Amino acid sequence: MEKIGFVTDDGDEVEFYVEEETRVNGISYLLVTDSDGEEANAYILKDMSADGDTDADYVMVEDEVEFEAIARVFQQMLEDVDFR
């Protein structure tokens, strides 16, 4: 499982495990967890970078409708994932 680092708006560095990635309507999304254990917290990140940017700019999906839609996509991809 790939582990990637992110820098928060506060400048803190955090690492997440990339569980899966998908592209919906031209937008890239990552399903990440904060640990590699069974009881990990999962987050959906959305790529906000512009075409041609050298660095990706991911933000947490906070819109409830968007989150539910993308969570369903990831659930179909990964049968053993339960978003609660």
PDB file of N, CA and C in Angstrom:
ATOM      1  N   MET A   1       0.851  -1.172   0.000  1.00  0.00           N
ATOM      2  CA  MET A   1       0.000   0.000   0.000  1.00  0.00           C
ATOM      3  C   MET A   1       0.899   1.239   0.000  1.00  0.00           C
ATOM      4  N   GLU A   2       0.616   2.144  -0.896  1.00  0.00           N
ATOM      5  CA  GLU A   2       1.415   3.352  -1.024  1.00  0.00           C
ATOM      6  C   GLU A   2       1.101   4.322   0.113  1.00  0.00           C
ATOM      7  N   LYS A   3       2.133   4.933   0.666  1.00  0.00           N
ATOM      8  CA  LYS A   3       1.985   5.920   1.727  1.00  0.00           C
ATOM      9  C   LYS A   3       2.473   7.253   1.174  1.00  0.00           C
ATOM     10  N   ILE A   4       1.635   8.294   1.301  1.00  0.00           N
ATOM     11  CA  ILE A   4       2.019   9.599   0.777  1.00  0.00           C
ATOM     12  C   ILE A   4       1.905  10.659   1.860  1.00  0.00           C
ATOM     13  N   GLY A   5       2.706  11.681   1.734  1.00  0.00           N
ATOM     14  CA  GLY A   5       2.702  12.768   2.703  1.00  0.00           C
ATOM     15  C   GLY A   5       1.971  13.986   2.175  1.00  0.00           C
ATOM     16  N   PHE A   6       1.333  14.683   3.090  1.00  0.00           N
ATOM     17  CA  PHE A   6       0.609  15.912   2.769  1.00  0.00           C
ATOM     18  C   PHE A   6       1.018  16.986   3.761  1.00  0.00           C
ATOM     19  N   VAL A   7       0.921  18.226   3.320  1.00  0.00           N
ATOM     20  CA  VAL A   7       1.153  19.366   4.200  1.00  0.00           C
ATOM     21  C   VAL A   7      -0.188  20.049   4.392  1.00  0.00           C
ATOM     22  N   THR A   8      -0.606  20.215   5.658  1.00  0.00           N
ATOM     23  CA  THR A   8      -1.892  20.845   5.953  1.00  0.00           C
ATOM     24  C   THR A   8      -1.789  22.351   5.767  1.00  0.00           C
ATOM     25  N   ASP A   9      -2.932  23.024   5.828  1.00  0.00           N
ATOM     26  CA  ASP A   9      -2.945  24.488   5.719  1.00  0.00           C
ATOM     27  C   ASP A   9      -2.135  25.127   6.837  1.00  0.00           C
ATOM     28  N   ASP A  10      -2.022  24.422   7.975  1.00  0.00           N
ATOM     29  CA  ASP A  10      -1.255  24.929   9.108  1.00  0.00           C
ATOM     30  C   ASP A  10       0.236  24.648   8.980  1.00  0.00           C
ATOM     31  N   GLY A  11       0.637  23.947   7.915  1.00  0.00           N
ATOM     32  CA  GLY A  11       2.042  23.625   7.707  1.00  0.00           C
ATOM     33  C   GLY A  11       2.476  22.310   8.343  1.00  0.00           C
ATOM     34  N   ASP A  12       1.539  21.594   8.970  1.00  0.00           N
ATOM     35  CA  ASP A  12       1.872  20.303   9.563  1.00  0.00           C
ATOM     36  C   ASP A  12       1.957  19.241   8.475  1.00  0.00           C
ATOM     37  N   GLU A  13       2.864  18.286   8.658  1.00  0.00           N
ATOM     38  CA  GLU A  13       2.986  17.183   7.715  1.00  0.00           C
ATOM     39  C   GLU A  13       2.236  15.966   8.260  1.00  0.00           C
ATOM     40  N   VAL A  14       1.394  15.370   7.416  1.00  0.00           N
ATOM     41  CA  VAL A  14       0.661  14.162   7.783  1.00  0.00           C
ATOM     42  C   VAL A  14       0.851  13.139   6.674  1.00  0.00           C
ATOM     43  N   GLU A  15       0.790  11.868   7.049  1.00  0.00           N
ATOM     44  CA  GLU A  15       0.926  10.807   6.062  1.00  0.00           C
ATOM     45  C   GLU A  15      -0.342   9.977   6.033  1.00  0.00           C
ATOM     46  N   PHE A  16      -0.730   9.591   4.839  1.00  0.00           N
ATOM     47  CA  PHE A  16      -1.899   8.745   4.636  1.00  0.00           C
ATOM     48  C   PHE A  16      -1.517   7.557   3.765  1.00  0.00           C
ATOM     49  N   TYR A  17      -2.266   6.476   3.938  1.00  0.00           N
ATOM     50  CA  TYR A  17      -2.136   5.308   3.072  1.00  0.00           C
ATOM     51  C   TYR A  17      -3.172   5.422   1.963  1.00  0.00           C
ATOM     52  N   VAL A  18      -2.743   5.306   0.730  1.00  0.00           N
ATOM     53  CA  VAL A  18      -3.663   5.383  -0.402  1.00  0.00           C
ATOM     54  C   VAL A  18      -4.282   4.009  -0.610  1.00  0.00           C
ATOM     55  N   GLU A  19      -5.589   3.930  -0.397  1.00  0.00           N
ATOM     56  CA  GLU A  19      -6.318   2.680  -0.563  1.00  0.00           C
ATOM     57  C   GLU A  19      -6.786   2.490  -2.000  1.00  0.00           C
ATOM     58  N   GLU A  20      -7.227   3.581  -2.620  1.00  0.00           N
ATOM     59  CA  GLU A  20      -7.766   3.506  -3.980  1.00  0.00           C
ATOM     60  C   GLU A  20      -7.816   4.912  -4.556  1.00  0.00           C
ATOM     61  N   GLU A  21      -7.884   4.992  -5.863  1.00  0.00           N
ATOM     62  CA  GLU A  21      -8.073   6.281  -6.526  1.00  0.00           C
ATOM     63  C   GLU A  21      -9.048   6.100  -7.675  1.00  0.00           C
ATOM     64  N   THR A  22      -9.745   7.185  -8.004  1.00  0.00           N
ATOM     65  CA  THR A  22     -10.701   7.149  -9.102  1.00  0.00           C
ATOM     66  C   THR A  22     -10.792   8.534  -9.718  1.00  0.00           C
ATOM     67  N   ARG A  23     -11.426   8.585 -10.857  1.00  0.00           N
ATOM     68  CA  ARG A  23     -11.648   9.859 -11.552  1.00  0.00           C
ATOM     69  C   ARG A  23     -13.126   9.909 -11.918  1.00  0.00           C
ATOM     70  N   VAL A  24     -13.804  10.973 -11.486  1.00  0.00           N
ATOM     71  CA  VAL A  24     -15.237  11.159 -11.750  1.00  0.00           C
ATOM     72  C   VAL A  24     -15.426  12.553 -12.327  1.00  0.00           C
ATOM     73  N   ASN A  25     -16.082  12.607 -13.487  1.00  0.00           N
ATOM     74  CA  ASN A  25     -16.324  13.890 -14.160  1.00  0.00           C
ATOM     75  C   ASN A  25     -15.054  14.712 -14.321  1.00  0.00           C
ATOM     76  N   GLY A  26     -13.951  14.051 -14.626  1.00  0.00           N
ATOM     77  CA  GLY A  26     -12.693  14.745 -14.863  1.00  0.00           C
ATOM     78  C   GLY A  26     -11.943  15.161 -13.618  1.00  0.00           C
ATOM     79  N   ILE A  27     -12.419  14.771 -12.441  1.00  0.00           N
ATOM     80  CA  ILE A  27     -11.775  15.143 -11.177  1.00  0.00           C
ATOM     81  C   ILE A  27     -11.219  13.879 -10.527  1.00  0.00           C
ATOM     82  N   SER A  28      -9.963  13.957 -10.072  1.00  0.00           N
ATOM     83  CA  SER A  28      -9.329  12.827  -9.404  1.00  0.00           C
ATOM     84  C   SER A  28      -9.650  12.841  -7.907  1.00  0.00           C
ATOM     85  N   TYR A  29      -9.923  11.649  -7.376  1.00  0.00           N
ATOM     86  CA  TYR A  29     -10.204  11.474  -5.949  1.00  0.00           C
ATOM     87  C   TYR A  29      -9.332  10.368  -5.405  1.00  0.00           C
ATOM     88  N   LEU A  30      -8.899  10.510  -4.154  1.00  0.00           N
ATOM     89  CA  LEU A  30      -8.161   9.470  -3.452  1.00  0.00           C
ATOM     90  C   LEU A  30      -8.958   9.034  -2.232  1.00  0.00           C
ATOM     91  N   LEU A  31      -8.983   7.738  -1.994  1.00  0.00           N
ATOM     92  CA  LEU A  31      -9.487   7.198  -0.737  1.00  0.00           C
ATOM     93  C   LEU A  31      -8.253   6.872   0.085  1.00  0.00           C
ATOM     94  N   VAL A  32      -8.092   7.551   1.213  1.00  0.00           N
ATOM     95  CA  VAL A  32      -6.904   7.371   2.044  1.00  0.00           C
ATOM     96  C   VAL A  32      -7.323   6.993   3.464  1.00  0.00           C
ATOM     97  N   THR A  33      -6.383   6.355   4.173  1.00  0.00           N
ATOM     98  CA  THR A  33      -6.605   6.026   5.588  1.00  0.00           C
ATOM     99  C   THR A  33      -5.432   6.548   6.400  1.00  0.00           C
ATOM    100  N   ASP A  34      -5.683   6.697   7.707  1.00  0.00           N
ATOM    101  CA  ASP A  34      -4.633   7.215   8.576  1.00  0.00           C
ATOM    102  C   ASP A  34      -3.749   6.123   9.172  1.00  0.00           C
ATOM    103  N   SER A  35      -4.091   4.857   8.937  1.00  0.00           N
ATOM    104  CA  SER A  35      -3.244   3.737   9.359  1.00  0.00           C
ATOM    105  C   SER A  35      -3.524   2.556   8.451  1.00  0.00           C
ATOM    106  N   ASP A  36      -2.704   1.521   8.575  1.00  0.00           N
ATOM    107  CA  ASP A  36      -2.915   0.363   7.713  1.00  0.00           C
ATOM    108  C   ASP A  36      -3.668  -0.754   8.435  1.00  0.00           C
ATOM    109  N   GLY A  37      -4.260  -0.451   9.593  1.00  0.00           N
ATOM    110  CA  GLY A  37      -5.022  -1.444  10.346  1.00  0.00           C
ATOM    111  C   GLY A  37      -6.477  -1.510   9.924  1.00  0.00           C
ATOM    112  N   GLU A  38      -7.194  -2.476  10.491  1.00  0.00           N
ATOM    113  CA  GLU A  38      -8.600  -2.670  10.138  1.00  0.00           C
ATOM    114  C   GLU A  38      -9.505  -1.547  10.639  1.00  0.00           C
ATOM    115  N   GLU A  39      -9.142  -0.890  11.707  1.00  0.00           N
ATOM    116  CA  GLU A  39      -9.975   0.164  12.297  1.00  0.00           C
ATOM    117  C   GLU A  39      -9.476   1.558  11.934  1.00  0.00           C
ATOM    118  N   ALA A  40      -8.957   1.715  10.749  1.00  0.00           N
ATOM    119  CA  ALA A  40      -8.420   3.006  10.301  1.00  0.00           C
ATOM    120  C   ALA A  40      -9.546   3.962   9.965  1.00  0.00           C
ATOM    121  N   ASN A  41      -9.270   5.255  10.107  1.00  0.00           N
ATOM    122  CA  ASN A  41     -10.186   6.294   9.664  1.00  0.00           C
ATOM    123  C   ASN A  41      -9.935   6.545   8.184  1.00  0.00           C
ATOM    124  N   ALA A  42     -11.010   6.624   7.411  1.00  0.00           N
ATOM    125  CA  ALA A  42     -10.891   6.837   5.963  1.00  0.00           C
ATOM    126  C   ALA A  42     -11.326   8.251   5.602  1.00  0.00           C
ATOM    127  N   TYR A  43     -10.676   8.802   4.590  1.00  0.00           N
ATOM    128  CA  TYR A  43     -10.975  10.144   4.118  1.00  0.00           C
ATOM    129  C   TYR A  43     -10.990  10.119   2.590  1.00  0.00           C
ATOM    130  N   ILE A  44     -11.779  10.993   2.005  1.00  0.00           N
ATOM    131  CA  ILE A  44     -11.788  11.157   0.557  1.00  0.00           C
ATOM    132  C   ILE A  44     -11.187  12.520   0.249  1.00  0.00           C
ATOM    133  N   LEU A  45     -10.151  12.500  -0.584  1.00  0.00           N
ATOM    134  CA  LEU A  45      -9.465  13.720  -0.973  1.00  0.00           C
ATOM    135  C   LEU A  45      -9.741  14.015  -2.441  1.00  0.00           C
ATOM    136  N   LYS A  46      -9.885  15.279  -2.758  1.00  0.00           N
ATOM    137  CA  LYS A  46     -10.206  15.739  -4.110  1.00  0.00           C
ATOM    138  C   LYS A  46      -9.029  16.554  -4.640  1.00  0.00           C
ATOM    139  N   ASP A  47      -8.610  16.261  -5.864  1.00  0.00           N
ATOM    140  CA  ASP A  47      -7.499  16.980  -6.484  1.00  0.00           C
ATOM    141  C   ASP A  47      -8.003  18.311  -7.031  1.00  0.00           C
ATOM    142  N   MET A  48      -7.493  19.394  -6.482  1.00  0.00           N
ATOM    143  CA  MET A  48      -7.900  20.737  -6.890  1.00  0.00           C
ATOM    144  C   MET A  48      -6.847  21.426  -7.750  1.00  0.00           C
ATOM    145  N   SER A  49      -5.772  20.718  -8.096  1.00  0.00           N
ATOM    146  CA  SER A  49      -4.706  21.346  -8.884  1.00  0.00           C
ATOM    147  C   SER A  49      -5.157  21.557 -10.324  1.00  0.00           C
ATOM    148  N   ALA A  50      -4.577  22.539 -10.945  1.00  0.00           N
ATOM    149  CA  ALA A  50      -4.896  22.859 -12.341  1.00  0.00           C
ATOM    150  C   ALA A  50      -4.058  21.979 -13.259  1.00  0.00           C
ATOM    151  N   ASP A  51      -4.549  21.772 -14.465  1.00  0.00           N
ATOM    152  CA  ASP A  51      -3.779  21.022 -15.451  1.00  0.00           C
ATOM    153  C   ASP A  51      -2.423  21.689 -15.634  1.00  0.00           C
ATOM    154  N   GLY A  52      -1.374  20.881 -15.641  1.00  0.00           N
ATOM    155  CA  GLY A  52      -0.033  21.411 -15.827  1.00  0.00           C
ATOM    156  C   GLY A  52       0.691  21.747 -14.535  1.00  0.00           C
ATOM    157  N   ASP A  53      -0.014  21.745 -13.384  1.00  0.00           N
ATOM    158  CA  ASP A  53       0.651  21.984 -12.105  1.00  0.00           C
ATOM    159  C   ASP A  53       1.621  20.844 -11.822  1.00  0.00           C
ATOM    160  N   THR A  54       2.774  21.179 -11.259  1.00  0.00           N
ATOM    161  CA  THR A  54       3.758  20.140 -10.955  1.00  0.00           C
ATOM    162  C   THR A  54       3.429  19.409  -9.659  1.00  0.00           C
ATOM    163  N   ASP A  55       2.728  20.056  -8.741  1.00  0.00           N
ATOM    164  CA  ASP A  55       2.332  19.434  -7.481  1.00  0.00           C
ATOM    165  C   ASP A  55       0.816  19.318  -7.425  1.00  0.00           C
ATOM    166  N   ALA A  56       0.352  18.219  -6.872  1.00  0.00           N
ATOM    167  CA  ALA A  56      -1.084  18.038  -6.684  1.00  0.00           C
ATOM    168  C   ALA A  56      -1.535  18.851  -5.480  1.00  0.00           C
ATOM    169  N   ASP A  57      -2.757  19.315  -5.515  1.00  0.00           N
ATOM    170  CA  ASP A  57      -3.345  20.093  -4.424  1.00  0.00           C
ATOM    171  C   ASP A  57      -4.635  19.387  -4.002  1.00  0.00           C
ATOM    172  N   TYR A  58      -4.539  18.527  -2.998  1.00  0.00           N
ATOM    173  CA  TYR A  58      -5.694  17.757  -2.539  1.00  0.00           C
ATOM    174  C   TYR A  58      -6.330  18.416  -1.326  1.00  0.00           C
ATOM    175  N   VAL A  59      -7.661  18.391  -1.310  1.00  0.00           N
ATOM    176  CA  VAL A  59      -8.430  18.867  -0.158  1.00  0.00           C
ATOM    177  C   VAL A  59      -9.418  17.776   0.234  1.00  0.00           C
ATOM    178  N   MET A  60      -9.787  17.764   1.502  1.00  0.00           N
ATOM    179  CA  MET A  60     -10.781  16.800   1.965  1.00  0.00           C
ATOM    180  C   MET A  60     -12.146  17.173   1.402  1.00  0.00           C
ATOM    181  N   VAL A  61     -12.883  16.176   0.950  1.00  0.00           N
ATOM    182  CA  VAL A  61     -14.233  16.413   0.443  1.00  0.00           C
ATOM    183  C   VAL A  61     -15.132  16.655   1.645  1.00  0.00           C
ATOM    184  N   GLU A  62     -15.698  17.849   1.733  1.00  0.00           N
ATOM    185  CA  GLU A  62     -16.548  18.212   2.861  1.00  0.00           C
ATOM    186  C   GLU A  62     -18.015  18.348   2.475  1.00  0.00           C
ATOM    187  N   ASP A  63     -18.288  18.548   1.191  1.00  0.00           N
ATOM    188  CA  ASP A  63     -19.664  18.647   0.728  1.00  0.00           C
ATOM    189  C   ASP A  63     -20.323  17.281   0.881  1.00  0.00           C
ATOM    190  N   GLU A  64     -21.421  17.235   1.626  1.00  0.00           N
ATOM    191  CA  GLU A  64     -22.075  15.975   1.961  1.00  0.00           C
ATOM    192  C   GLU A  64     -22.571  15.216   0.727  1.00  0.00           C
ATOM    193  N   VAL A  65     -23.150  15.914  -0.234  1.00  0.00           N
ATOM    194  CA  VAL A  65     -23.669  15.265  -1.442  1.00  0.00           C
ATOM    195  C   VAL A  65     -22.516  14.689  -2.266  1.00  0.00           C
ATOM    196  N   GLU A  66     -21.466  15.470  -2.444  1.00  0.00           N
ATOM    197  CA  GLU A  66     -20.302  14.997  -3.189  1.00  0.00           C
ATOM    198  C   GLU A  66     -19.651  13.816  -2.473  1.00  0.00           C
ATOM    199  N   PHE A  67     -19.512  13.915  -1.153  1.00  0.00           N
ATOM    200  CA  PHE A  67     -18.901  12.835  -0.375  1.00  0.00           C
ATOM    201  C   PHE A  67     -19.673  11.533  -0.545  1.00  0.00           C
ATOM    202  N   GLU A  68     -20.992  11.592  -0.414  1.00  0.00           N
ATOM    203  CA  GLU A  68     -21.825  10.395  -0.545  1.00  0.00           C
ATOM    204  C   GLU A  68     -21.695   9.777  -1.928  1.00  0.00           C
ATOM    205  N   ALA A  69     -21.664  10.604  -2.963  1.00  0.00           N
ATOM    206  CA  ALA A  69     -21.559  10.100  -4.334  1.00  0.00           C
ATOM    207  C   ALA A  69     -20.210   9.409  -4.560  1.00  0.00           C
ATOM    208  N   ILE A  70     -19.141  10.028  -4.127  1.00  0.00           N
ATOM    209  CA  ILE A  70     -17.812   9.450  -4.328  1.00  0.00           C
ATOM    210  C   ILE A  70     -17.618   8.239  -3.416  1.00  0.00           C
ATOM    211  N   ALA A  71     -18.180   8.278  -2.221  1.00  0.00           N
ATOM    212  CA  ALA A  71     -18.095   7.123  -1.315  1.00  0.00           C
ATOM    213  C   ALA A  71     -18.755   5.904  -1.947  1.00  0.00           C
ATOM    214  N   ARG A  72     -19.872   6.097  -2.641  1.00  0.00           N
ATOM    215  CA  ARG A  72     -20.536   4.979  -3.318  1.00  0.00           C
ATOM    216  C   ARG A  72     -19.642   4.397  -4.415  1.00  0.00           C
ATOM    217  N   VAL A  73     -18.929   5.260  -5.123  1.00  0.00           N
ATOM    218  CA  VAL A  73     -18.009   4.779  -6.162  1.00  0.00           C
ATOM    219  C   VAL A  73     -16.923   3.910  -5.521  1.00  0.00           C
ATOM    220  N   PHE A  74     -16.338   4.408  -4.436  1.00  0.00           N
ATOM    221  CA  PHE A  74     -15.291   3.633  -3.769  1.00  0.00           C
ATOM    222  C   PHE A  74     -15.845   2.339  -3.164  1.00  0.00           C
ATOM    223  N   GLN A  75     -17.059   2.369  -2.641  1.00  0.00           N
ATOM    224  CA  GLN A  75     -17.654   1.156  -2.093  1.00  0.00           C
ATOM    225  C   GLN A  75     -17.821   0.095  -3.163  1.00  0.00           C
ATOM    226  N   GLN A  76     -18.189   0.499  -4.362  1.00  0.00           N
ATOM    227  CA  GLN A  76     -18.316  -0.456  -5.467  1.00  0.00           C
ATOM    228  C   GLN A  76     -16.958  -1.021  -5.854  1.00  0.00           C
ATOM    229  N   MET A  77     -15.928  -0.197  -5.757  1.00  0.00           N
ATOM    230  CA  MET A  77     -14.583  -0.644  -6.122  1.00  0.00           C
ATOM    231  C   MET A  77     -14.002  -1.583  -5.063  1.00  0.00           C
ATOM    232  N   LEU A  78     -14.315  -1.315  -3.808  1.00  0.00           N
ATOM    233  CA  LEU A  78     -13.757  -2.075  -2.682  1.00  0.00           C
ATOM    234  C   LEU A  78     -14.920  -2.639  -1.871  1.00  0.00           C
ATOM    235  N   GLU A  79     -15.256  -3.863  -2.090  1.00  0.00           N
ATOM    236  CA  GLU A  79     -16.440  -4.449  -1.456  1.00  0.00           C
ATOM    237  C   GLU A  79     -16.354  -4.508   0.062  1.00  0.00           C
ATOM    238  N   ASP A  80     -15.151  -4.556   0.647  1.00  0.00           N
ATOM    239  CA  ASP A  80     -15.008  -4.713   2.087  1.00  0.00           C
ATOM    240  C   ASP A  80     -14.945  -3.387   2.850  1.00  0.00           C
ATOM    241  N   VAL A  81     -15.185  -2.265   2.178  1.00  0.00           N
ATOM    242  CA  VAL A  81     -15.132  -0.956   2.825  1.00  0.00           C
ATOM    243  C   VAL A  81     -16.534  -0.531   3.213  1.00  0.00           C
ATOM    244  N   ASP A  82     -16.664  -0.054   4.450  1.00  0.00           N
ATOM    245  CA  ASP A  82     -17.948   0.411   4.951  1.00  0.00           C
ATOM    246  C   ASP A  82     -17.783   1.853   5.428  1.00  0.00           C
ATOM    247  N   PHE A  83     -18.426   2.793   4.763  1.00  0.00           N
ATOM    248  CA  PHE A  83     -18.344   4.207   5.146  1.00  0.00           C
ATOM    249  C   PHE A  83     -19.445   4.514   6.149  1.00  0.00           C
ATOM    250  N   ARG A  84     -19.057   4.804   7.349  1.00  0.00           N
ATOM    251  CA  ARG A  84     -20.021   5.176   8.397  1.00  0.00           C
ATOM    252  C   ARG A  84     -19.591   6.420   9.096  1.00  0.00           C
TER     253      ARG A  84
END
